[in-house]
Amino acid sequence: MKKGLVIVLAILVILSIAQPLYAQDAGKKLFRGVGNVLTGWVEIPKQIYDESVNSNILVGLTWGTLKGCGWTIIRTVTGAYEVVTFPFPIPEGYKPIVEPEFVFSKESDTASVKETPAK
């Protein structure tokens, strides 16, 4: 069992650092997929926070929780799909299916927070 796991990990490392274009992009897709599967649950507290900042704590705890649960499912399922299909350029050019690519991306930190006007 351990020997098989080591072989699979070695193949994944080789694919992610290999020079041909497809292997490089496939490695990034695999990394993105694994990252989204492992961190998809972070959407729940993130959406609670974002909705609390945008509206109020009650909206954050209710709508933010529901929104976070939905995004958790979307991000985790999309990540699993990317892990399974990482060797293939689906969608074209290995583009991410969900934007932002990762739950911690800067676009996600600033996209849903309202800007306060200067006084």
PDB file of N, CA and C in Angstrom:
ATOM      1  N   MET A   1       0.831  -1.190   0.000  1.00  0.00           N
ATOM      2  CA  MET A   1       0.000   0.000   0.000  1.00  0.00           C
ATOM      3  C   MET A   1       0.880   1.259   0.000  1.00  0.00           C
ATOM      4  N   LYS A   2       1.886   1.269   0.889  1.00  0.00           N
ATOM      5  CA  LYS A   2       2.771   2.427   0.970  1.00  0.00           C
ATOM      6  C   LYS A   2       3.567   2.594  -0.325  1.00  0.00           C
ATOM      7  N   LYS A   3       3.992   1.483  -0.897  1.00  0.00           N
ATOM      8  CA  LYS A   3       4.780   1.534  -2.123  1.00  0.00           C
ATOM      9  C   LYS A   3       3.942   2.129  -3.264  1.00  0.00           C
ATOM     10  N   GLY A   4       2.686   1.732  -3.355  1.00  0.00           N
ATOM     11  CA  GLY A   4       1.794   2.264  -4.384  1.00  0.00           C
ATOM     12  C   GLY A   4       1.545   3.750  -4.201  1.00  0.00           C
ATOM     13  N   LEU A   5       1.376   4.195  -2.967  1.00  0.00           N
ATOM     14  CA  LEU A   5       1.165   5.603  -2.675  1.00  0.00           C
ATOM     15  C   LEU A   5       2.398   6.421  -3.045  1.00  0.00           C
ATOM     16  N   VAL A   6       3.571   5.902  -2.733  1.00  0.00           N
ATOM     17  CA  VAL A   6       4.814   6.592  -3.084  1.00  0.00           C
ATOM     18  C   VAL A   6       4.950   6.709  -4.601  1.00  0.00           C
ATOM     19  N   ILE A   7       4.598   5.666  -5.323  1.00  0.00           N
ATOM     20  CA  ILE A   7       4.677   5.701  -6.789  1.00  0.00           C
ATOM     21  C   ILE A   7       3.714   6.737  -7.354  1.00  0.00           C
ATOM     22  N   VAL A   8       2.478   6.766  -6.857  1.00  0.00           N
ATOM     23  CA  VAL A   8       1.488   7.741  -7.326  1.00  0.00           C
ATOM     24  C   VAL A   8       1.959   9.157  -7.026  1.00  0.00           C
ATOM     25  N   LEU A   9       2.464   9.398  -5.822  1.00  0.00           N
ATOM     26  CA  LEU A   9       2.961  10.730  -5.480  1.00  0.00           C
ATOM     27  C   LEU A   9       4.148  11.127  -6.351  1.00  0.00           C
ATOM     28  N   ALA A  10       5.035  10.190  -6.636  1.00  0.00           N
ATOM     29  CA  ALA A  10       6.179  10.482  -7.500  1.00  0.00           C
ATOM     30  C   ALA A  10       5.723  10.854  -8.902  1.00  0.00           C
ATOM     31  N   ILE A  11       4.731  10.142  -9.426  1.00  0.00           N
ATOM     32  CA  ILE A  11       4.197  10.461 -10.752  1.00  0.00           C
ATOM     33  C   ILE A  11       3.574  11.852 -10.746  1.00  0.00           C
ATOM     34  N   LEU A  12       2.825  12.183  -9.703  1.00  0.00           N
ATOM     35  CA  LEU A  12       2.199  13.500  -9.619  1.00  0.00           C
ATOM     36  C   LEU A  12       3.240  14.616  -9.545  1.00  0.00           C
ATOM     37  N   VAL A  13       4.303  14.395  -8.793  1.00  0.00           N
ATOM     38  CA  VAL A  13       5.369  15.396  -8.701  1.00  0.00           C
ATOM     39  C   VAL A  13       6.044  15.568 -10.055  1.00  0.00           C
ATOM     40  N   ILE A  14       6.318  14.470 -10.732  1.00  0.00           N
ATOM     41  CA  ILE A  14       6.948  14.550 -12.050  1.00  0.00           C
ATOM     42  C   ILE A  14       6.047  15.289 -13.027  1.00  0.00           C
ATOM     43  N   LEU A  15       4.760  15.004 -13.004  1.00  0.00           N
ATOM     44  CA  LEU A  15       3.825  15.699 -13.896  1.00  0.00           C
ATOM     45  C   LEU A  15       3.762  17.192 -13.598  1.00  0.00           C
ATOM     46  N   SER A  16       3.837  17.543 -12.330  1.00  0.00           N
ATOM     47  CA  SER A  16       3.695  18.957 -11.980  1.00  0.00           C
ATOM     48  C   SER A  16       4.945  19.780 -12.289  1.00  0.00           C
ATOM     49  N   ILE A  17       6.118  19.138 -12.376  1.00  0.00           N
ATOM     50  CA  ILE A  17       7.333  19.911 -12.656  1.00  0.00           C
ATOM     51  C   ILE A  17       7.904  19.654 -14.046  1.00  0.00           C
ATOM     52  N   ALA A  18       7.263  18.776 -14.812  1.00  0.00           N
ATOM     53  CA  ALA A  18       7.763  18.465 -16.156  1.00  0.00           C
ATOM     54  C   ALA A  18       7.666  19.690 -17.057  1.00  0.00           C
ATOM     55  N   GLN A  19       8.500  19.751 -18.077  1.00  0.00           N
ATOM     56  CA  GLN A  19       8.593  20.911 -18.954  1.00  0.00           C
ATOM     57  C   GLN A  19       7.505  21.027 -20.004  1.00  0.00           C
ATOM     58  N   PRO A  20       6.963  19.955 -20.578  1.00  0.00           N
ATOM     59  CA  PRO A  20       5.955  20.138 -21.613  1.00  0.00           C
ATOM     60  C   PRO A  20       4.759  20.930 -21.079  1.00  0.00           C
ATOM     61  N   LEU A  21       4.144  21.684 -21.983  1.00  0.00           N
ATOM     62  CA  LEU A  21       3.068  22.593 -21.613  1.00  0.00           C
ATOM     63  C   LEU A  21       1.920  21.873 -20.919  1.00  0.00           C
ATOM     64  N   TYR A  22       1.503  20.740 -21.461  1.00  0.00           N
ATOM     65  CA  TYR A  22       0.367  20.049 -20.873  1.00  0.00           C
ATOM     66  C   TYR A  22       0.654  19.583 -19.448  1.00  0.00           C
ATOM     67  N   ALA A  23       1.846  19.048 -19.218  1.00  0.00           N
ATOM     68  CA  ALA A  23       2.161  18.558 -17.880  1.00  0.00           C
ATOM     69  C   ALA A  23       2.197  19.694 -16.875  1.00  0.00           C
ATOM     70  N   GLN A  24       2.743  20.849 -17.267  1.00  0.00           N
ATOM     71  CA  GLN A  24       2.777  21.986 -16.359  1.00  0.00           C
ATOM     72  C   GLN A  24       1.364  22.434 -16.020  1.00  0.00           C
ATOM     73  N   ASP A  25       0.514  22.579 -17.011  1.00  0.00           N
ATOM     74  CA  ASP A  25      -0.850  23.015 -16.762  1.00  0.00           C
ATOM     75  C   ASP A  25      -1.653  21.949 -16.033  1.00  0.00           C
ATOM     76  N   ALA A  26      -1.396  20.698 -16.343  1.00  0.00           N
ATOM     77  CA  ALA A  26      -2.084  19.618 -15.653  1.00  0.00           C
ATOM     78  C   ALA A  26      -1.707  19.617 -14.170  1.00  0.00           C
ATOM     79  N   GLY A  27      -0.444  19.899 -13.888  1.00  0.00           N
ATOM     80  CA  GLY A  27      -0.011  19.964 -12.491  1.00  0.00           C
ATOM     81  C   GLY A  27      -0.705  21.077 -11.734  1.00  0.00           C
ATOM     82  N   LYS A  28      -0.848  22.222 -12.372  1.00  0.00           N
ATOM     83  CA  LYS A  28      -1.545  23.340 -11.727  1.00  0.00           C
ATOM     84  C   LYS A  28      -3.011  22.991 -11.502  1.00  0.00           C
ATOM     85  N   LYS A  29      -3.621  22.318 -12.484  1.00  0.00           N
ATOM     86  CA  LYS A  29      -5.021  21.917 -12.346  1.00  0.00           C
ATOM     87  C   LYS A  29      -5.179  20.920 -11.197  1.00  0.00           C
ATOM     88  N   LEU A  30      -4.242  19.982 -11.095  1.00  0.00           N
ATOM     89  CA  LEU A  30      -4.286  19.017  -9.993  1.00  0.00           C
ATOM     90  C   LEU A  30      -4.126  19.731  -8.655  1.00  0.00           C
ATOM     91  N   PHE A  31      -3.170  20.647  -8.566  1.00  0.00           N
ATOM     92  CA  PHE A  31      -2.950  21.408  -7.336  1.00  0.00           C
ATOM     93  C   PHE A  31      -4.201  22.200  -6.952  1.00  0.00           C
ATOM     94  N   ARG A  32      -4.814  22.853  -7.942  1.00  0.00           N
ATOM     95  CA  ARG A  32      -6.031  23.635  -7.711  1.00  0.00           C
ATOM     96  C   ARG A  32      -7.168  22.727  -7.231  1.00  0.00           C
ATOM     97  N   GLY A  33      -7.301  21.559  -7.848  1.00  0.00           N
ATOM     98  CA  GLY A  33      -8.359  20.631  -7.466  1.00  0.00           C
ATOM     99  C   GLY A  33      -8.195  20.117  -6.049  1.00  0.00           C
ATOM    100  N   VAL A  34      -6.980  19.694  -5.717  1.00  0.00           N
ATOM    101  CA  VAL A  34      -6.727  19.196  -4.357  1.00  0.00           C
ATOM    102  C   VAL A  34      -6.934  20.312  -3.337  1.00  0.00           C
ATOM    103  N   GLY A  35      -6.456  21.507  -3.668  1.00  0.00           N
ATOM    104  CA  GLY A  35      -6.637  22.645  -2.764  1.00  0.00           C
ATOM    105  C   GLY A  35      -8.106  22.954  -2.513  1.00  0.00           C
ATOM    106  N   ASN A  36      -8.917  22.904  -3.549  1.00  0.00           N
ATOM    107  CA  ASN A  36     -10.334  23.205  -3.391  1.00  0.00           C
ATOM    108  C   ASN A  36     -11.083  22.096  -2.659  1.00  0.00           C
ATOM    109  N   VAL A  37     -10.670  20.849  -2.846  1.00  0.00           N
ATOM    110  CA  VAL A  37     -11.296  19.760  -2.093  1.00  0.00           C
ATOM    111  C   VAL A  37     -10.985  19.909  -0.601  1.00  0.00           C
ATOM    112  N   LEU A  38      -9.735  20.239  -0.284  1.00  0.00           N
ATOM    113  CA  LEU A  38      -9.331  20.329   1.123  1.00  0.00           C
ATOM    114  C   LEU A  38      -9.827  21.592   1.820  1.00  0.00           C
ATOM    115  N   THR A  39      -9.992  22.684   1.082  1.00  0.00           N
ATOM    116  CA  THR A  39     -10.366  23.951   1.728  1.00  0.00           C
ATOM    117  C   THR A  39     -11.764  24.427   1.367  1.00  0.00           C
ATOM    118  N   GLY A  40     -12.548  23.611   0.697  1.00  0.00           N
ATOM    119  CA  GLY A  40     -13.895  24.022   0.318  1.00  0.00           C
ATOM    120  C   GLY A  40     -14.744  24.427   1.511  1.00  0.00           C
ATOM    121  N   TRP A  41     -14.567  23.772   2.646  1.00  0.00           N
ATOM    122  CA  TRP A  41     -15.350  24.064   3.851  1.00  0.00           C
ATOM    123  C   TRP A  41     -15.092  25.467   4.385  1.00  0.00           C
ATOM    124  N   VAL A  42     -13.980  26.076   4.014  1.00  0.00           N
ATOM    125  CA  VAL A  42     -13.641  27.420   4.496  1.00  0.00           C
ATOM    126  C   VAL A  42     -14.614  28.461   3.936  1.00  0.00           C
ATOM    127  N   GLU A  43     -15.351  28.097   2.890  1.00  0.00           N
ATOM    128  CA  GLU A  43     -16.351  29.016   2.339  1.00  0.00           C
ATOM    129  C   GLU A  43     -17.418  29.386   3.376  1.00  0.00           C
ATOM    130  N   ILE A  44     -17.722  28.508   4.304  1.00  0.00           N
ATOM    131  CA  ILE A  44     -18.780  28.799   5.283  1.00  0.00           C
ATOM    132  C   ILE A  44     -18.386  29.977   6.183  1.00  0.00           C
ATOM    133  N   PRO A  45     -17.271  29.905   6.924  1.00  0.00           N
ATOM    134  CA  PRO A  45     -16.927  31.073   7.742  1.00  0.00           C
ATOM    135  C   PRO A  45     -16.595  32.308   6.906  1.00  0.00           C
ATOM    136  N   LYS A  46     -16.041  32.106   5.709  1.00  0.00           N
ATOM    137  CA  LYS A  46     -15.719  33.237   4.838  1.00  0.00           C
ATOM    138  C   LYS A  46     -16.987  33.982   4.427  1.00  0.00           C
ATOM    139  N   GLN A  47     -18.005  33.243   4.021  1.00  0.00           N
ATOM    140  CA  GLN A  47     -19.261  33.884   3.600  1.00  0.00           C
ATOM    141  C   GLN A  47     -19.999  34.511   4.785  1.00  0.00           C
ATOM    142  N   ILE A  48     -19.912  33.896   5.954  1.00  0.00           N
ATOM    143  CA  ILE A  48     -20.505  34.500   7.152  1.00  0.00           C
ATOM    144  C   ILE A  48     -19.842  35.844   7.423  1.00  0.00           C
ATOM    145  N   TYR A  49     -18.529  35.869   7.356  1.00  0.00           N
ATOM    146  CA  TYR A  49     -17.795  37.117   7.576  1.00  0.00           C
ATOM    147  C   TYR A  49     -18.153  38.163   6.527  1.00  0.00           C
ATOM    148  N   ASP A  50     -18.093  37.770   5.249  1.00  0.00           N
ATOM    149  CA  ASP A  50     -18.372  38.718   4.170  1.00  0.00           C
ATOM    150  C   ASP A  50     -19.775  39.308   4.278  1.00  0.00           C
ATOM    151  N   GLU A  51     -20.766  38.476   4.535  1.00  0.00           N
ATOM    152  CA  GLU A  51     -22.146  38.970   4.651  1.00  0.00           C
ATOM    153  C   GLU A  51     -22.319  39.828   5.904  1.00  0.00           C
ATOM    154  N   SER A  52     -21.622  39.498   6.969  1.00  0.00           N
ATOM    155  CA  SER A  52     -21.693  40.318   8.186  1.00  0.00           C
ATOM    156  C   SER A  52     -21.106  41.702   7.944  1.00  0.00           C
ATOM    157  N   VAL A  53     -20.018  41.768   7.198  1.00  0.00           N
ATOM    158  CA  VAL A  53     -19.393  43.051   6.884  1.00  0.00           C
ATOM    159  C   VAL A  53     -20.285  43.852   5.937  1.00  0.00           C
ATOM    160  N   ASN A  54     -20.856  43.175   4.938  1.00  0.00           N
ATOM    161  CA  ASN A  54     -21.688  43.858   3.952  1.00  0.00           C
ATOM    162  C   ASN A  54     -23.027  44.318   4.515  1.00  0.00           C
ATOM    163  N   SER A  55     -23.614  43.558   5.411  1.00  0.00           N
ATOM    164  CA  SER A  55     -24.939  43.899   5.939  1.00  0.00           C
ATOM    165  C   SER A  55     -24.877  44.051   7.457  1.00  0.00           C
ATOM    166  N   ASN A  56     -25.139  42.958   8.147  1.00  0.00           N
ATOM    167  CA  ASN A  56     -25.048  42.938   9.607  1.00  0.00           C
ATOM    168  C   ASN A  56     -24.841  41.504  10.064  1.00  0.00           C
ATOM    169  N   ILE A  57     -24.632  41.325  11.345  1.00  0.00           N
ATOM    170  CA  ILE A  57     -24.292  40.007  11.878  1.00  0.00           C
ATOM    171  C   ILE A  57     -25.433  39.001  11.695  1.00  0.00           C
ATOM    172  N   LEU A  58     -26.687  39.449  11.788  1.00  0.00           N
ATOM    173  CA  LEU A  58     -27.825  38.545  11.614  1.00  0.00           C
ATOM    174  C   LEU A  58     -27.861  38.000  10.182  1.00  0.00           C
ATOM    175  N   VAL A  59     -27.664  38.866   9.212  1.00  0.00           N
ATOM    176  CA  VAL A  59     -27.615  38.430   7.812  1.00  0.00           C
ATOM    177  C   VAL A  59     -26.410  37.512   7.613  1.00  0.00           C
ATOM    178  N   GLY A  60     -25.304  37.835   8.229  1.00  0.00           N
ATOM    179  CA  GLY A  60     -24.117  36.995   8.110  1.00  0.00           C
ATOM    180  C   GLY A  60     -24.348  35.598   8.646  1.00  0.00           C
ATOM    181  N   LEU A  61     -25.001  35.511   9.801  1.00  0.00           N
ATOM    182  CA  LEU A  61     -25.228  34.203  10.415  1.00  0.00           C
ATOM    183  C   LEU A  61     -26.277  33.379   9.679  1.00  0.00           C
ATOM    184  N   THR A  62     -27.229  34.027   9.023  1.00  0.00           N
ATOM    185  CA  THR A  62     -28.273  33.281   8.318  1.00  0.00           C
ATOM    186  C   THR A  62     -27.922  33.093   6.845  1.00  0.00           C
ATOM    187  N   TRP A  63     -27.979  34.171   6.094  1.00  0.00           N
ATOM    188  CA  TRP A  63     -27.713  34.106   4.662  1.00  0.00           C
ATOM    189  C   TRP A  63     -26.260  33.710   4.380  1.00  0.00           C
ATOM    190  N   GLY A  64     -25.337  34.208   5.179  1.00  0.00           N
ATOM    191  CA  GLY A  64     -23.932  33.860   4.986  1.00  0.00           C
ATOM    192  C   GLY A  64     -23.681  32.371   5.170  1.00  0.00           C
ATOM    193  N   THR A  65     -24.356  31.772   6.153  1.00  0.00           N
ATOM    194  CA  THR A  65     -24.217  30.332   6.383  1.00  0.00           C
ATOM    195  C   THR A  65     -24.766  29.539   5.199  1.00  0.00           C
ATOM    196  N   LEU A  66     -25.947  29.927   4.735  1.00  0.00           N
ATOM    197  CA  LEU A  66     -26.541  29.232   3.585  1.00  0.00           C
ATOM    198  C   LEU A  66     -25.686  29.401   2.331  1.00  0.00           C
ATOM    199  N   LYS A  67     -25.239  30.614   2.101  1.00  0.00           N
ATOM    200  CA  LYS A  67     -24.394  30.899   0.946  1.00  0.00           C
ATOM    201  C   LYS A  67     -23.076  30.126   1.052  1.00  0.00           C
ATOM    202  N   GLY A  68     -22.510  30.070   2.246  1.00  0.00           N
ATOM    203  CA  GLY A  68     -21.273  29.325   2.463  1.00  0.00           C
ATOM    204  C   GLY A  68     -21.440  27.837   2.220  1.00  0.00           C
ATOM    205  N   CYS A  69     -22.576  27.281   2.649  1.00  0.00           N
ATOM    206  CA  CYS A  69     -22.840  25.857   2.404  1.00  0.00           C
ATOM    207  C   CYS A  69     -22.920  25.577   0.905  1.00  0.00           C
ATOM    208  N   GLY A  70     -23.588  26.457   0.183  1.00  0.00           N
ATOM    209  CA  GLY A  70     -23.680  26.297  -1.264  1.00  0.00           C
ATOM    210  C   GLY A  70     -22.327  26.369  -1.935  1.00  0.00           C
ATOM    211  N   TRP A  71     -21.524  27.373  -1.562  1.00  0.00           N
ATOM    212  CA  TRP A  71     -20.190  27.524  -2.138  1.00  0.00           C
ATOM    213  C   TRP A  71     -19.269  26.374  -1.732  1.00  0.00           C
ATOM    214  N   THR A  72     -19.471  25.833  -0.534  1.00  0.00           N
ATOM    215  CA  THR A  72     -18.674  24.682  -0.096  1.00  0.00           C
ATOM    216  C   THR A  72     -18.916  23.499  -1.025  1.00  0.00           C
ATOM    217  N   ILE A  73     -20.181  23.238  -1.318  1.00  0.00           N
ATOM    218  CA  ILE A  73     -20.523  22.129  -2.211  1.00  0.00           C
ATOM    219  C   ILE A  73     -19.937  22.371  -3.605  1.00  0.00           C
ATOM    220  N   ILE A  74     -20.147  23.578  -4.123  1.00  0.00           N
ATOM    221  CA  ILE A  74     -19.661  23.904  -5.462  1.00  0.00           C
ATOM    222  C   ILE A  74     -18.142  23.767  -5.542  1.00  0.00           C
ATOM    223  N   ARG A  75     -17.441  24.359  -4.598  1.00  0.00           N
ATOM    224  CA  ARG A  75     -15.975  24.355  -4.639  1.00  0.00           C
ATOM    225  C   ARG A  75     -15.423  22.940  -4.440  1.00  0.00           C
ATOM    226  N   THR A  76     -15.999  22.157  -3.548  1.00  0.00           N
ATOM    227  CA  THR A  76     -15.498  20.809  -3.279  1.00  0.00           C
ATOM    228  C   THR A  76     -15.757  19.880  -4.465  1.00  0.00           C
ATOM    229  N   VAL A  77     -16.957  19.939  -5.033  1.00  0.00           N
ATOM    230  CA  VAL A  77     -17.282  19.086  -6.183  1.00  0.00           C
ATOM    231  C   VAL A  77     -16.439  19.481  -7.392  1.00  0.00           C
ATOM    232  N   THR A  78     -16.273  20.777  -7.609  1.00  0.00           N
ATOM    233  CA  THR A  78     -15.440  21.243  -8.713  1.00  0.00           C
ATOM    234  C   THR A  78     -13.997  20.799  -8.515  1.00  0.00           C
ATOM    235  N   GLY A  79     -13.501  20.879  -7.288  1.00  0.00           N
ATOM    236  CA  GLY A  79     -12.144  20.423  -7.001  1.00  0.00           C
ATOM    237  C   GLY A  79     -11.978  18.935  -7.280  1.00  0.00           C
ATOM    238  N   ALA A  80     -12.962  18.144  -6.884  1.00  0.00           N
ATOM    239  CA  ALA A  80     -12.896  16.702  -7.143  1.00  0.00           C
ATOM    240  C   ALA A  80     -12.900  16.425  -8.647  1.00  0.00           C
ATOM    241  N   TYR A  81     -13.716  17.163  -9.392  1.00  0.00           N
ATOM    242  CA  TYR A  81     -13.759  17.024 -10.846  1.00  0.00           C
ATOM    243  C   TYR A  81     -12.392  17.360 -11.453  1.00  0.00           C
ATOM    244  N   GLU A  82     -11.761  18.413 -10.954  1.00  0.00           N
ATOM    245  CA  GLU A  82     -10.456  18.795 -11.483  1.00  0.00           C
ATOM    246  C   GLU A  82      -9.377  17.772 -11.137  1.00  0.00           C
ATOM    247  N   VAL A  83      -9.473  17.154  -9.984  1.00  0.00           N
ATOM    248  CA  VAL A  83      -8.505  16.114  -9.613  1.00  0.00           C
ATOM    249  C   VAL A  83      -8.646  14.915 -10.557  1.00  0.00           C
ATOM    250  N   VAL A  84      -9.872  14.529 -10.853  1.00  0.00           N
ATOM    251  CA  VAL A  84     -10.106  13.369 -11.713  1.00  0.00           C
ATOM    252  C   VAL A  84      -9.693  13.656 -13.161  1.00  0.00           C
ATOM    253  N   THR A  85      -9.933  14.890 -13.627  1.00  0.00           N
ATOM    254  CA  THR A  85      -9.683  15.215 -15.034  1.00  0.00           C
ATOM    255  C   THR A  85      -8.388  15.999 -15.252  1.00  0.00           C
ATOM    256  N   PHE A  86      -7.492  16.039 -14.271  1.00  0.00           N
ATOM    257  CA  PHE A  86      -6.301  16.890 -14.400  1.00  0.00           C
ATOM    258  C   PHE A  86      -5.414  16.591 -15.601  1.00  0.00           C
ATOM    259  N   PRO A  87      -5.311  15.349 -16.096  1.00  0.00           N
ATOM    260  CA  PRO A  87      -4.428  15.137 -17.252  1.00  0.00           C
ATOM    261  C   PRO A  87      -4.988  15.701 -18.569  1.00  0.00           C
ATOM    262  N   PHE A  88      -6.265  16.052 -18.592  1.00  0.00           N
ATOM    263  CA  PHE A  88      -6.911  16.465 -19.829  1.00  0.00           C
ATOM    264  C   PHE A  88      -7.166  17.973 -19.834  1.00  0.00           C
ATOM    265  N   PRO A  89      -6.986  18.642 -20.971  1.00  0.00           N
ATOM    266  CA  PRO A  89      -7.209  20.097 -21.046  1.00  0.00           C
ATOM    267  C   PRO A  89      -8.692  20.451 -21.118  1.00  0.00           C
ATOM    268  N   ILE A  90      -9.438  20.059 -20.085  1.00  0.00           N
ATOM    269  CA  ILE A  90     -10.868  20.336 -20.004  1.00  0.00           C
ATOM    270  C   ILE A  90     -11.086  21.247 -18.807  1.00  0.00           C
ATOM    271  N   PRO A  91     -11.682  22.399 -18.899  1.00  0.00           N
ATOM    272  CA  PRO A  91     -12.021  23.149 -20.102  1.00  0.00           C
ATOM    273  C   PRO A  91     -10.752  23.584 -20.838  1.00  0.00           C
ATOM    274  N   GLU A  92     -10.936  24.111 -22.010  1.00  0.00           N
ATOM    275  CA  GLU A  92      -9.818  24.443 -22.887  1.00  0.00           C
ATOM    276  C   GLU A  92      -8.767  25.280 -22.160  1.00  0.00           C
ATOM    277  N   GLY A  93      -7.528  24.858 -22.272  1.00  0.00           N
ATOM    278  CA  GLY A  93      -6.432  25.592 -21.650  1.00  0.00           C
ATOM    279  C   GLY A  93      -6.354  25.426 -20.142  1.00  0.00           C
ATOM    280  N   TYR A  94      -7.007  24.422 -19.592  1.00  0.00           N
ATOM    281  CA  TYR A  94      -6.994  24.151 -18.150  1.00  0.00           C
ATOM    282  C   TYR A  94      -7.515  25.338 -17.330  1.00  0.00           C
ATOM    283  N   LYS A  95      -8.419  26.111 -17.877  1.00  0.00           N
ATOM    284  CA  LYS A  95      -8.950  27.266 -17.153  1.00  0.00           C
ATOM    285  C   LYS A  95      -9.731  26.800 -15.926  1.00  0.00           C
ATOM    286  N   PRO A  96      -9.719  27.594 -14.857  1.00  0.00           N
ATOM    287  CA  PRO A  96     -10.481  27.203 -13.670  1.00  0.00           C
ATOM    288  C   PRO A  96     -11.983  27.264 -13.933  1.00  0.00           C
ATOM    289  N   ILE A  97     -12.716  26.373 -13.312  1.00  0.00           N
ATOM    290  CA  ILE A  97     -14.168  26.338 -13.475  1.00  0.00           C
ATOM    291  C   ILE A  97     -14.817  27.351 -12.544  1.00  0.00           C
ATOM    292  N   VAL A  98     -14.265  27.499 -11.352  1.00  0.00           N
ATOM    293  CA  VAL A  98     -14.808  28.422 -10.350  1.00  0.00           C
ATOM    294  C   VAL A  98     -13.863  29.609 -10.205  1.00  0.00           C
ATOM    295  N   GLU A  99     -14.414  30.791 -10.169  1.00  0.00           N
ATOM    296  CA  GLU A  99     -13.629  32.007  -9.926  1.00  0.00           C
ATOM    297  C   GLU A  99     -14.006  32.554  -8.566  1.00  0.00           C
ATOM    298  N   PRO A 100     -13.078  32.933  -7.744  1.00  0.00           N
ATOM    299  CA  PRO A 100     -11.636  32.800  -7.883  1.00  0.00           C
ATOM    300  C   PRO A 100     -11.201  31.340  -7.790  1.00  0.00           C
ATOM    301  N   GLU A 101      -9.993  31.084  -8.247  1.00  0.00           N
ATOM    302  CA  GLU A 101      -9.488  29.710  -8.292  1.00  0.00           C
ATOM    303  C   GLU A 101      -9.453  29.042  -6.922  1.00  0.00           C
ATOM    304  N   PHE A 102      -9.078  29.798  -5.914  1.00  0.00           N
ATOM    305  CA  PHE A 102      -8.944  29.265  -4.560  1.00  0.00           C
ATOM    306  C   PHE A 102      -9.770  30.116  -3.601  1.00  0.00           C
ATOM    307  N   VAL A 103     -10.181  29.523  -2.510  1.00  0.00           N
ATOM    308  CA  VAL A 103     -10.990  30.245  -1.527  1.00  0.00           C
ATOM    309  C   VAL A 103     -10.213  31.413  -0.930  1.00  0.00           C
ATOM    310  N   PHE A 104      -8.893  31.316  -0.878  1.00  0.00           N
ATOM    311  CA  PHE A 104      -8.071  32.352  -0.266  1.00  0.00           C
ATOM    312  C   PHE A 104      -7.537  33.376  -1.256  1.00  0.00           C
ATOM    313  N   SER A 105      -7.947  33.311  -2.514  1.00  0.00           N
ATOM    314  CA  SER A 105      -7.450  34.249  -3.518  1.00  0.00           C
ATOM    315  C   SER A 105      -7.841  35.674  -3.169  1.00  0.00           C
ATOM    316  N   LYS A 106      -6.987  36.626  -3.553  1.00  0.00           N
ATOM    317  CA  LYS A 106      -7.238  38.030  -3.241  1.00  0.00           C
ATOM    318  C   LYS A 106      -8.539  38.527  -3.842  1.00  0.00           C
ATOM    319  N   GLU A 107      -8.921  38.044  -5.030  1.00  0.00           N
ATOM    320  CA  GLU A 107     -10.178  38.466  -5.642  1.00  0.00           C
ATOM    321  C   GLU A 107     -11.350  38.150  -4.723  1.00  0.00           C
ATOM    322  N   SER A 108     -11.292  37.012  -4.049  1.00  0.00           N
ATOM    323  CA  SER A 108     -12.394  36.634  -3.168  1.00  0.00           C
ATOM    324  C   SER A 108     -12.413  37.481  -1.901  1.00  0.00           C
ATOM    325  N   ASP A 109     -11.239  37.960  -1.466  1.00  0.00           N
ATOM    326  CA  ASP A 109     -11.194  38.767  -0.258  1.00  0.00           C
ATOM    327  C   ASP A 109     -11.781  40.152  -0.476  1.00  0.00           C
ATOM    328  N   THR A 110     -11.644  40.687  -1.689  1.00  0.00           N
ATOM    329  CA  THR A 110     -12.081  42.053  -1.924  1.00  0.00           C
ATOM    330  C   THR A 110     -13.375  42.145  -2.717  1.00  0.00           C
ATOM    331  N   ALA A 111     -13.769  41.062  -3.374  1.00  0.00           N
ATOM    332  CA  ALA A 111     -14.918  41.135  -4.266  1.00  0.00           C
ATOM    333  C   ALA A 111     -16.229  41.335  -3.522  1.00  0.00           C
ATOM    334  N   SER A 112     -16.385  40.743  -2.357  1.00  0.00           N
ATOM    335  CA  SER A 112     -17.677  40.808  -1.697  1.00  0.00           C
ATOM    336  C   SER A 112     -17.711  41.781  -0.520  1.00  0.00           C
ATOM    337  N   VAL A 113     -16.640  42.470  -0.265  1.00  0.00           N
ATOM    338  CA  VAL A 113     -16.617  43.453   0.825  1.00  0.00           C
ATOM    339  C   VAL A 113     -16.902  44.830   0.264  1.00  0.00           C
ATOM    340  N   LYS A 114     -17.875  45.500   0.840  1.00  0.00           N
ATOM    341  CA  LYS A 114     -18.230  46.840   0.365  1.00  0.00           C
ATOM    342  C   LYS A 114     -17.114  47.828   0.696  1.00  0.00           C
ATOM    343  N   GLU A 115     -16.906  48.756  -0.217  1.00  0.00           N
ATOM    344  CA  GLU A 115     -15.959  49.829   0.060  1.00  0.00           C
ATOM    345  C   GLU A 115     -16.699  50.944   0.777  1.00  0.00           C
ATOM    346  N   THR A 116     -16.096  51.466   1.808  1.00  0.00           N
ATOM    347  CA  THR A 116     -16.725  52.568   2.529  1.00  0.00           C
ATOM    348  C   THR A 116     -16.222  53.880   1.955  1.00  0.00           C
ATOM    349  N   PRO A 117     -17.136  54.798   1.681  1.00  0.00           N
ATOM    350  CA  PRO A 117     -16.716  56.061   1.096  1.00  0.00           C
ATOM    351  C   PRO A 117     -15.907  56.882   2.094  1.00  0.00           C
ATOM    352  N   ALA A 118     -14.970  57.642   1.566  1.00  0.00           N
ATOM    353  CA  ALA A 118     -14.153  58.508   2.415  1.00  0.00           C
ATOM    354  C   ALA A 118     -14.990  59.681   2.904  1.00  0.00           C
ATOM    355  N   LYS A 119     -14.746  60.079   4.162  1.00  0.00           N
ATOM    356  CA  LYS A 119     -15.513  61.187   4.739  1.00  0.00           C
ATOM    357  C   LYS A 119     -14.808  62.488   4.562  1.00  0.00           C
TER     358      LYS A 119
END
